[in-house]
Structure formats: C-alpha cells, structure tokens
N, C-alpha and C. Protein backbone atom coordinates (compact mmCIF):
# COMPACT_ATOMS: atom_id res chain seq x y z
N MET A 1 12.94 17.24 -69.52
CA MET A 1 11.80 17.18 -68.59
C MET A 1 12.44 17.71 -67.15
N ASP A 2 11.67 18.51 -66.55
CA ASP A 2 12.25 18.93 -65.25
C ASP A 2 11.90 17.81 -64.18
N LEU A 3 12.72 17.87 -63.23
CA LEU A 3 12.61 17.11 -61.91
C LEU A 3 11.14 16.81 -61.61
N LEU A 4 10.38 17.72 -61.18
CA LEU A 4 9.14 17.59 -60.74
C LEU A 4 8.27 16.69 -61.58
N ALA A 5 8.01 16.95 -62.96
CA ALA A 5 7.55 16.30 -63.90
C ALA A 5 7.75 14.83 -64.01
N HIS A 6 9.25 14.66 -63.87
CA HIS A 6 9.79 13.20 -64.08
C HIS A 6 9.26 12.49 -62.73
N LEU A 7 9.46 12.99 -61.50
CA LEU A 7 8.97 12.16 -60.29
C LEU A 7 7.46 12.03 -60.38
N ILE A 8 6.70 12.88 -60.74
CA ILE A 8 5.24 12.69 -60.96
C ILE A 8 4.82 11.42 -61.90
N ASP A 9 5.68 11.56 -62.94
CA ASP A 9 5.63 10.43 -63.92
C ASP A 9 5.75 9.16 -63.25
N LEU A 10 6.97 9.12 -62.65
CA LEU A 10 7.34 7.84 -61.93
C LEU A 10 6.13 7.38 -60.63
N GLU A 11 5.99 8.33 -60.02
CA GLU A 11 4.99 8.08 -58.95
C GLU A 11 3.79 7.58 -59.35
N THR A 12 3.30 8.35 -60.37
CA THR A 12 2.03 7.84 -61.14
C THR A 12 1.92 6.50 -61.73
N GLN A 13 3.05 6.14 -62.24
CA GLN A 13 3.04 4.78 -62.73
C GLN A 13 2.89 3.72 -61.77
N LEU A 14 3.19 4.10 -60.47
CA LEU A 14 2.90 3.18 -59.44
C LEU A 14 1.43 3.08 -59.11
N HIS A 15 0.80 3.83 -59.63
CA HIS A 15 -0.90 3.83 -59.47
C HIS A 15 -1.44 2.95 -60.60
N ARG A 16 -0.91 2.72 -61.58
CA ARG A 16 -1.46 2.08 -62.79
C ARG A 16 -1.49 0.46 -62.67
N GLN A 17 -2.65 0.04 -62.88
CA GLN A 17 -2.93 -1.50 -62.88
C GLN A 17 -1.70 -2.54 -63.23
N GLU A 18 -1.48 -1.97 -64.49
CA GLU A 18 -0.46 -2.80 -65.16
C GLU A 18 0.89 -2.93 -64.61
N VAL A 19 1.31 -1.82 -63.98
CA VAL A 19 2.52 -1.62 -63.28
C VAL A 19 2.52 -2.35 -61.81
N ARG A 20 1.41 -1.99 -61.15
CA ARG A 20 1.07 -2.62 -59.78
C ARG A 20 1.17 -4.36 -59.83
N ALA A 21 0.79 -4.67 -61.09
CA ALA A 21 0.63 -6.31 -61.15
C ALA A 21 2.09 -6.97 -61.83
N ASP A 22 3.10 -5.98 -62.18
CA ASP A 22 4.22 -6.43 -62.86
C ASP A 22 5.36 -6.31 -61.88
N ALA A 23 5.89 -7.34 -61.28
CA ALA A 23 7.13 -7.53 -60.17
C ALA A 23 8.30 -6.79 -60.67
N ASP A 24 8.61 -7.14 -62.18
CA ASP A 24 9.86 -6.51 -62.67
C ASP A 24 9.69 -4.98 -62.67
N ALA A 25 8.46 -4.45 -63.16
CA ALA A 25 8.17 -2.94 -63.29
C ALA A 25 8.47 -2.32 -61.87
N LEU A 26 7.86 -2.94 -60.91
CA LEU A 26 7.85 -2.61 -59.71
C LEU A 26 9.29 -2.43 -59.00
N ARG A 27 10.21 -3.52 -59.40
CA ARG A 27 11.45 -3.50 -58.82
C ARG A 27 12.41 -2.34 -59.52
N ALA A 28 11.95 -2.06 -60.70
CA ALA A 28 12.67 -0.93 -61.49
C ALA A 28 12.27 0.35 -60.97
N LEU A 29 11.24 0.54 -60.22
CA LEU A 29 10.74 1.73 -59.63
C LEU A 29 11.07 1.93 -58.00
N ILE A 30 11.31 0.89 -57.50
CA ILE A 30 11.42 0.76 -55.99
C ILE A 30 12.74 0.30 -55.63
N ALA A 31 13.39 1.01 -54.79
CA ALA A 31 14.70 0.82 -54.37
C ALA A 31 14.78 -0.58 -53.55
N ASP A 32 15.96 -1.27 -53.52
CA ASP A 32 16.07 -2.34 -52.79
C ASP A 32 15.89 -2.31 -51.28
N ASP A 33 16.35 -1.00 -50.59
CA ASP A 33 16.11 -0.86 -49.33
C ASP A 33 14.88 0.03 -48.93
N PHE A 34 13.86 0.04 -49.89
CA PHE A 34 12.46 0.68 -49.67
C PHE A 34 11.87 0.28 -48.36
N PHE A 35 11.28 1.06 -47.72
CA PHE A 35 10.24 0.68 -46.73
C PHE A 35 9.07 1.59 -46.81
N GLU A 36 7.97 1.31 -46.44
CA GLU A 36 6.76 2.05 -46.37
C GLU A 36 6.08 1.92 -44.93
N PHE A 37 5.33 2.96 -44.23
CA PHE A 37 4.49 2.91 -43.07
C PHE A 37 3.29 2.96 -43.80
N GLY A 38 2.51 1.72 -43.71
CA GLY A 38 1.10 1.71 -43.92
C GLY A 38 0.16 2.32 -43.16
N VAL A 39 -1.01 2.67 -43.63
CA VAL A 39 -2.00 3.07 -42.72
C VAL A 39 -2.48 2.31 -41.48
N SER A 40 -2.34 0.97 -41.79
CA SER A 40 -2.55 -0.03 -40.79
C SER A 40 -1.55 -0.20 -39.62
N GLY A 41 -0.20 0.54 -39.92
CA GLY A 41 0.67 0.45 -38.87
C GLY A 41 1.73 -0.72 -39.32
N THR A 42 1.37 -1.43 -40.45
CA THR A 42 2.34 -2.15 -40.90
C THR A 42 3.51 -1.59 -41.65
N VAL A 43 4.90 -1.97 -41.35
CA VAL A 43 5.99 -1.62 -42.08
C VAL A 43 6.19 -2.55 -43.13
N TRP A 44 6.17 -1.86 -44.51
CA TRP A 44 6.22 -2.85 -45.56
C TRP A 44 7.69 -2.78 -46.23
N THR A 45 8.33 -3.85 -46.83
CA THR A 45 9.41 -3.61 -47.45
C THR A 45 9.04 -3.73 -48.83
N ARG A 46 10.13 -3.69 -49.92
CA ARG A 46 9.92 -3.79 -51.17
C ARG A 46 9.27 -5.08 -51.61
N GLU A 47 9.81 -6.30 -51.32
CA GLU A 47 9.23 -7.57 -51.57
C GLU A 47 7.92 -7.80 -50.88
N SER A 48 7.61 -7.27 -49.88
CA SER A 48 6.31 -7.50 -49.21
C SER A 48 5.17 -6.63 -49.96
N VAL A 49 5.71 -5.49 -50.41
CA VAL A 49 4.72 -4.62 -51.32
C VAL A 49 4.45 -5.43 -52.52
N ILE A 50 5.50 -6.10 -53.15
CA ILE A 50 5.38 -6.58 -54.56
C ILE A 50 4.61 -7.87 -54.46
N ASP A 51 4.72 -8.46 -53.37
CA ASP A 51 3.75 -9.75 -53.13
C ASP A 51 2.35 -9.38 -52.85
N ALA A 52 2.15 -8.23 -52.17
CA ALA A 52 0.81 -7.88 -51.86
C ALA A 52 0.21 -7.37 -53.12
N LEU A 53 0.80 -6.83 -53.84
CA LEU A 53 0.15 -6.11 -55.13
C LEU A 53 -0.24 -7.25 -56.06
N ARG A 54 0.48 -8.16 -56.06
CA ARG A 54 0.13 -9.44 -56.82
C ARG A 54 -1.23 -9.92 -57.01
N ASP A 55 -1.79 -9.78 -55.54
CA ASP A 55 -3.28 -10.29 -55.43
C ASP A 55 -3.98 -9.24 -55.05
N GLU A 56 -3.74 -7.91 -55.34
CA GLU A 56 -4.64 -6.64 -55.19
C GLU A 56 -5.85 -6.79 -55.79
N ALA A 57 -6.88 -6.41 -55.37
CA ALA A 57 -8.08 -6.15 -56.02
C ALA A 57 -7.91 -4.31 -56.51
N PHE A 58 -7.42 -4.37 -57.73
CA PHE A 58 -7.17 -2.82 -58.01
C PHE A 58 -8.29 -2.00 -57.80
N SER A 59 -8.04 -0.63 -57.45
CA SER A 59 -8.80 0.59 -57.15
C SER A 59 -8.25 1.45 -58.15
N PRO A 60 -8.94 2.35 -58.96
CA PRO A 60 -8.48 3.44 -59.79
C PRO A 60 -7.96 4.59 -58.89
N ARG A 61 -7.02 5.19 -59.07
CA ARG A 61 -6.32 6.27 -58.24
C ARG A 61 -6.07 7.68 -59.06
N GLU A 62 -6.38 8.79 -58.47
CA GLU A 62 -5.93 10.03 -59.03
C GLU A 62 -5.19 10.81 -58.01
N ALA A 63 -4.17 11.42 -58.39
CA ALA A 63 -3.30 12.14 -57.72
C ALA A 63 -3.24 13.73 -58.09
N MET A 64 -3.06 14.59 -57.08
CA MET A 64 -3.02 16.10 -57.41
C MET A 64 -2.31 16.79 -56.42
N ASP A 65 -2.08 18.02 -56.63
CA ASP A 65 -1.45 18.97 -55.75
C ASP A 65 -0.09 18.44 -55.42
N PHE A 66 0.70 18.08 -56.41
CA PHE A 66 2.15 17.57 -56.02
C PHE A 66 3.04 18.79 -55.69
N ARG A 67 3.87 18.43 -54.86
CA ARG A 67 4.94 19.41 -54.29
C ARG A 67 6.09 18.73 -54.16
N LEU A 68 7.15 19.25 -54.69
CA LEU A 68 8.70 18.79 -54.57
C LEU A 68 9.54 19.46 -53.71
N THR A 69 10.21 18.86 -52.79
CA THR A 69 11.13 19.49 -51.84
C THR A 69 12.52 18.72 -52.14
N LEU A 70 13.46 19.44 -52.66
CA LEU A 70 14.72 18.81 -52.65
C LEU A 70 15.52 18.76 -51.37
N LEU A 71 15.69 17.33 -50.81
CA LEU A 71 16.27 17.17 -49.50
C LEU A 71 17.91 17.15 -49.74
N ALA A 72 18.50 16.66 -50.90
CA ALA A 72 19.65 16.85 -51.26
C ALA A 72 19.85 16.87 -52.78
N GLU A 73 21.00 16.79 -53.16
CA GLU A 73 21.13 16.89 -54.99
C GLU A 73 20.47 15.54 -55.42
N ASP A 74 20.62 14.53 -54.64
CA ASP A 74 20.26 13.28 -55.25
C ASP A 74 18.92 12.57 -54.42
N VAL A 75 18.16 13.41 -53.51
CA VAL A 75 17.12 12.85 -52.70
C VAL A 75 16.02 14.02 -52.78
N ALA A 76 14.91 13.39 -53.19
CA ALA A 76 13.61 14.36 -53.25
C ALA A 76 12.72 13.80 -52.50
N LEU A 77 11.80 14.85 -51.96
CA LEU A 77 10.57 14.46 -51.27
C LEU A 77 9.33 14.96 -52.08
N LEU A 78 8.57 13.80 -52.45
CA LEU A 78 7.30 14.33 -53.34
C LEU A 78 6.09 14.12 -52.46
N THR A 79 5.24 15.17 -52.33
CA THR A 79 4.03 14.94 -51.55
C THR A 79 2.86 15.23 -52.40
N TYR A 80 1.58 14.94 -52.21
CA TYR A 80 0.53 15.00 -52.92
C TYR A 80 -0.70 14.47 -52.21
N ARG A 81 -1.84 14.82 -52.73
CA ARG A 81 -3.20 14.24 -52.34
C ARG A 81 -3.65 13.18 -53.26
N ALA A 82 -4.23 12.16 -52.71
CA ALA A 82 -4.61 11.20 -53.48
C ALA A 82 -6.03 10.73 -53.23
N HIS A 83 -6.54 10.10 -54.46
CA HIS A 83 -8.04 9.71 -54.27
C HIS A 83 -8.11 8.27 -54.79
N ARG A 84 -8.60 7.40 -54.02
CA ARG A 84 -8.68 5.82 -54.49
C ARG A 84 -10.20 5.66 -54.88
N GLY A 85 -10.50 5.45 -55.98
CA GLY A 85 -11.83 5.14 -56.21
C GLY A 85 -12.62 3.68 -55.62
N ALA A 86 -13.86 3.87 -55.40
CA ALA A 86 -14.46 2.89 -54.77
C ALA A 86 -14.56 1.57 -55.82
N THR A 87 -14.42 0.32 -54.98
CA THR A 87 -14.62 -0.86 -55.68
C THR A 87 -15.70 -1.79 -54.86
N PRO A 88 -16.13 -2.81 -55.49
CA PRO A 88 -17.28 -3.56 -54.69
C PRO A 88 -16.58 -3.93 -53.23
N LEU A 89 -15.39 -3.98 -53.23
CA LEU A 89 -14.52 -4.68 -52.01
C LEU A 89 -14.08 -3.52 -51.08
N ARG A 90 -13.92 -2.31 -51.63
CA ARG A 90 -13.46 -1.22 -50.53
C ARG A 90 -14.10 0.19 -51.04
N PRO A 91 -14.48 0.93 -50.00
CA PRO A 91 -14.92 2.23 -50.40
C PRO A 91 -13.90 3.25 -50.90
N ALA A 92 -14.39 4.29 -51.43
CA ALA A 92 -13.35 5.39 -51.88
C ALA A 92 -12.68 5.83 -50.63
N ALA A 93 -11.45 6.40 -50.94
CA ALA A 93 -10.67 7.12 -49.72
C ALA A 93 -9.74 8.15 -50.36
N ASP A 94 -9.75 9.11 -49.48
CA ASP A 94 -8.68 10.33 -49.83
C ASP A 94 -7.60 10.07 -48.87
N SER A 95 -6.39 10.48 -49.30
CA SER A 95 -5.20 10.34 -48.40
C SER A 95 -4.19 11.54 -48.84
N LEU A 96 -3.11 11.89 -47.84
CA LEU A 96 -2.10 12.62 -48.12
C LEU A 96 -0.95 11.67 -48.35
N ARG A 97 -0.15 11.73 -49.30
CA ARG A 97 0.93 10.97 -49.51
C ARG A 97 2.26 11.46 -49.64
N SER A 98 3.33 10.85 -49.27
CA SER A 98 4.71 11.38 -49.37
C SER A 98 5.63 10.25 -49.91
N SER A 99 6.56 10.56 -50.65
CA SER A 99 7.51 9.53 -51.18
C SER A 99 8.85 10.28 -51.14
N ILE A 100 9.91 9.37 -50.98
CA ILE A 100 11.23 9.88 -51.03
C ILE A 100 11.78 9.17 -52.11
N TRP A 101 12.21 9.93 -52.95
CA TRP A 101 12.83 9.27 -54.28
C TRP A 101 14.42 9.55 -54.11
N ARG A 102 15.28 8.65 -54.54
CA ARG A 102 16.82 8.67 -54.53
C ARG A 102 17.36 8.43 -55.91
N LEU A 103 18.27 9.32 -56.38
CA LEU A 103 18.96 9.07 -57.65
C LEU A 103 20.29 8.25 -57.38
N ARG A 104 20.20 7.11 -58.07
CA ARG A 104 21.48 6.13 -58.00
C ARG A 104 21.74 5.82 -59.34
N ASP A 105 22.82 5.52 -59.93
CA ASP A 105 23.30 5.13 -61.15
C ASP A 105 22.40 5.56 -62.14
N GLY A 106 22.13 7.07 -62.08
CA GLY A 106 21.23 7.70 -63.01
C GLY A 106 19.79 7.48 -63.17
N ARG A 107 19.36 6.69 -62.07
CA ARG A 107 17.86 6.27 -62.08
C ARG A 107 17.35 6.75 -60.68
N TRP A 108 16.10 7.38 -60.74
CA TRP A 108 15.42 7.82 -59.58
C TRP A 108 14.54 6.55 -59.28
N ARG A 109 14.67 6.11 -57.87
CA ARG A 109 14.02 5.05 -57.32
C ARG A 109 13.34 5.41 -56.00
N MET A 110 12.06 5.09 -55.76
CA MET A 110 11.38 5.31 -54.52
C MET A 110 12.18 4.52 -53.35
N MET A 111 12.66 5.23 -52.31
CA MET A 111 13.07 4.58 -51.10
C MET A 111 12.16 4.70 -49.94
N PHE A 112 10.99 5.44 -49.94
CA PHE A 112 10.27 5.59 -48.65
C PHE A 112 8.67 5.93 -49.14
N HIS A 113 7.91 5.53 -48.62
CA HIS A 113 6.45 5.91 -48.99
C HIS A 113 5.60 5.94 -47.67
N GLN A 114 4.67 6.79 -47.49
CA GLN A 114 3.62 6.85 -46.35
C GLN A 114 2.45 7.50 -46.74
N GLY A 115 1.40 6.90 -46.44
CA GLY A 115 0.03 7.43 -46.81
C GLY A 115 -0.77 7.90 -45.38
N THR A 116 -1.31 8.92 -45.40
CA THR A 116 -2.23 9.29 -44.22
C THR A 116 -3.67 9.60 -44.78
N VAL A 117 -4.47 8.75 -44.08
CA VAL A 117 -5.85 8.83 -44.60
C VAL A 117 -6.50 10.16 -44.23
N LEU A 118 -7.39 10.73 -44.95
CA LEU A 118 -8.12 11.87 -44.52
C LEU A 118 -9.37 11.70 -44.02
C-alpha cells in the first residue's frame, strides 16, 4: 500500500463511530504529544480529545480531495475536505482539514490536527 492510501485509511478510521468511542483505538492512532487547534480556539491534547469523544453525539463524516505532502522522510502532511452530516443536535458542516502524521517505531501516528470551517 502506498503512503497516501495508508494515511487516508488511518485518518478515516478516526471518522468512524466505533473508533471514536474506543480510547485504546484512539491511543493507537494519536501520538502522545498530539495537539489540535479546534474551530472554537480550544487547544486539545490527546487525552482531552479522547475524553471529549467518549461523550460525543456522533455525526457521520465524509472525506474527499486528499493531498499528501512529505515534510520529511518520517513526517507527512495530509490535507482534505470534510463533510459532517447533520444530526438532531448539530447542523451539517463542511471544513478543510490538515493532519500531520509522524512515523515512529514502524507506526504512523497523528501528531497535529486542525479543521477550518468553510
């Protein structure tokens, strides 16, 4: 599997309800030193994301227009466009997304993420 396909697979695992609700699965995909700049301006850590997703009202997601930029041999930037489906609690939303993935000990893990609402 090429790197783009592999990182798309890892990224979209984080969009699935069963993964978002599983702290161990999230820890396997997200680096210890992970941080995220949230749309609200909140800076999220790995553990704060895991805690927040535990109580999340899940919204289905679609991702498209993936682009991979290799920043170093072991660091990659994945960008894409996302659509979050509407639920009774939240309207649908479109966003641009960027994630930085780092290879350590033979595994790619997300170390940074940011979403920008369109």
